[in-house]
Amino acid sequence: MDDLDAAELAKALGHPLRLAYLHALGERRELSPSEYARDSDEPLGNVSYHVKALYDAGVIEVAARVPRRGAMEHRYSLSGPRAVVAMAMAKLLAGA
């Protein structure tokens, strides 16, 4: 990972809700934005926005699509080496 990748990853982790979602995802194999919103009392729109940022940064991936009430619920999981680095950065930030 070069400096530019590290900077982009740090920017993707630059919001407390994103860090909290990663911590929650680290405790589970998969997690949907709606599950997290329900468990954390955060508005679903806010959670979805920040989950998309993590997805766009390559930290998480769609693990499953589950039909729910006429819509598709996306369940996310950690995604490869970027996720490993992101989780390490999240742990460092939590200790700061």
Protein backbone atom coordinates (compact mmCIF):
# COMPACT_ATOMS: atom_id res chain seq x y z
CA MET A 1 0.00 0.00 0.00
CA ASP A 2 1.50 3.31 -1.05
CA ASP A 3 1.06 6.69 0.65
CA LEU A 4 -1.84 7.69 -1.59
CA ASP A 5 -3.74 4.49 -0.77
CA ALA A 6 -3.08 4.99 2.93
CA ALA A 7 -4.33 8.58 2.74
CA GLU A 8 -7.50 7.52 0.91
CA LEU A 9 -8.10 4.80 3.48
CA ALA A 10 -7.57 7.23 6.36
CA LYS A 11 -10.08 9.60 4.75
CA ALA A 12 -12.60 6.74 4.49
CA LEU A 13 -12.22 6.17 8.23
CA GLY A 14 -12.60 9.87 9.01
CA HIS A 15 -16.07 9.69 10.56
CA PRO A 16 -16.99 8.15 13.93
CA LEU A 17 -19.97 6.28 12.47
CA ARG A 18 -17.72 4.55 9.93
CA LEU A 19 -15.36 3.48 12.69
CA ALA A 20 -18.26 2.25 14.81
CA TYR A 21 -19.68 0.27 11.87
CA LEU A 22 -16.29 -1.36 11.32
CA HIS A 23 -16.04 -2.28 15.00
CA ALA A 24 -19.52 -3.81 14.86
CA LEU A 25 -18.65 -5.65 11.67
CA GLY A 26 -15.48 -6.97 13.29
CA GLU A 27 -17.65 -8.65 15.92
CA ARG A 28 -19.89 -10.29 13.29
CA ARG A 29 -19.30 -11.95 9.94
CA GLU A 30 -21.91 -9.87 8.12
CA LEU A 31 -23.93 -6.77 8.95
CA SER A 32 -26.52 -4.76 7.04
CA PRO A 33 -26.96 -1.00 7.41
CA SER A 34 -30.53 -1.55 8.66
CA GLU A 35 -29.34 -3.94 11.39
CA TYR A 36 -26.70 -1.46 12.50
CA ALA A 37 -29.17 1.44 12.42
CA ARG A 38 -31.62 -0.51 14.57
CA ASP A 39 -28.93 -1.59 17.07
CA SER A 40 -27.30 1.84 17.35
CA ASP A 41 -30.35 4.13 17.08
CA GLU A 42 -28.70 5.93 14.15
CA PRO A 43 -30.88 7.05 11.21
CA LEU A 44 -30.74 4.48 8.39
CA GLY A 45 -29.96 7.19 5.82
CA ASN A 46 -26.85 8.25 7.75
CA VAL A 47 -25.69 4.67 8.19
CA SER A 48 -26.23 3.86 4.50
CA TYR A 49 -24.27 6.95 3.44
CA HIS A 50 -21.26 5.98 5.56
CA VAL A 51 -21.43 2.29 4.64
CA LYS A 52 -21.26 3.34 0.97
CA ALA A 53 -18.09 5.32 1.72
CA LEU A 54 -16.51 2.22 3.25
CA TYR A 55 -17.66 0.15 0.28
CA ASP A 56 -16.28 2.68 -2.21
CA ALA A 57 -12.95 2.63 -0.34
CA GLY A 58 -12.74 -1.16 -0.77
CA VAL A 59 -12.88 -1.85 2.96
CA ILE A 60 -16.13 -3.83 2.83
CA GLU A 61 -17.93 -5.86 0.18
CA VAL A 62 -21.46 -7.11 -0.37
CA ALA A 63 -21.53 -10.56 1.22
CA ALA A 64 -25.21 -11.31 0.61
CA ARG A 65 -28.38 -9.86 -0.80
CA VAL A 66 -31.48 -10.83 1.16
CA PRO A 67 -35.05 -10.07 -0.02
CA ARG A 68 -36.87 -7.96 2.61
CA ARG A 69 -40.38 -6.54 2.17
CA GLY A 70 -40.13 -6.05 -1.59
CA ALA A 71 -36.59 -4.68 -1.44
CA MET A 72 -33.11 -6.12 -1.30
CA GLU A 73 -31.15 -5.88 1.96
CA HIS A 74 -27.39 -5.81 1.45
CA ARG A 75 -25.27 -7.53 4.07
CA TYR A 76 -21.62 -6.47 4.15
CA SER A 77 -18.44 -8.17 5.29
CA LEU A 78 -14.82 -7.09 5.55
CA SER A 79 -12.96 -7.20 2.24
CA GLY A 80 -9.37 -8.34 1.86
CA PRO A 81 -6.12 -6.53 2.67
CA ARG A 82 -7.65 -3.03 2.78
CA ALA A 83 -10.01 -4.26 5.49
CA VAL A 84 -7.11 -5.60 7.54
CA VAL A 85 -5.33 -2.24 7.35
CA ALA A 86 -8.58 -0.36 8.04
CA MET A 87 -9.30 -2.46 11.13
CA ALA A 88 -5.76 -1.85 12.41
CA MET A 89 -6.17 1.89 11.82
CA ALA A 90 -9.59 1.83 13.53
CA LYS A 91 -8.08 0.13 16.58
CA LEU A 92 -5.31 2.73 16.73
CA LEU A 93 -7.83 5.56 16.45
CA ALA A 94 -9.98 4.03 19.18
CA GLY A 95 -6.99 4.02 21.51
CA ALA A 96 -6.11 7.66 20.77
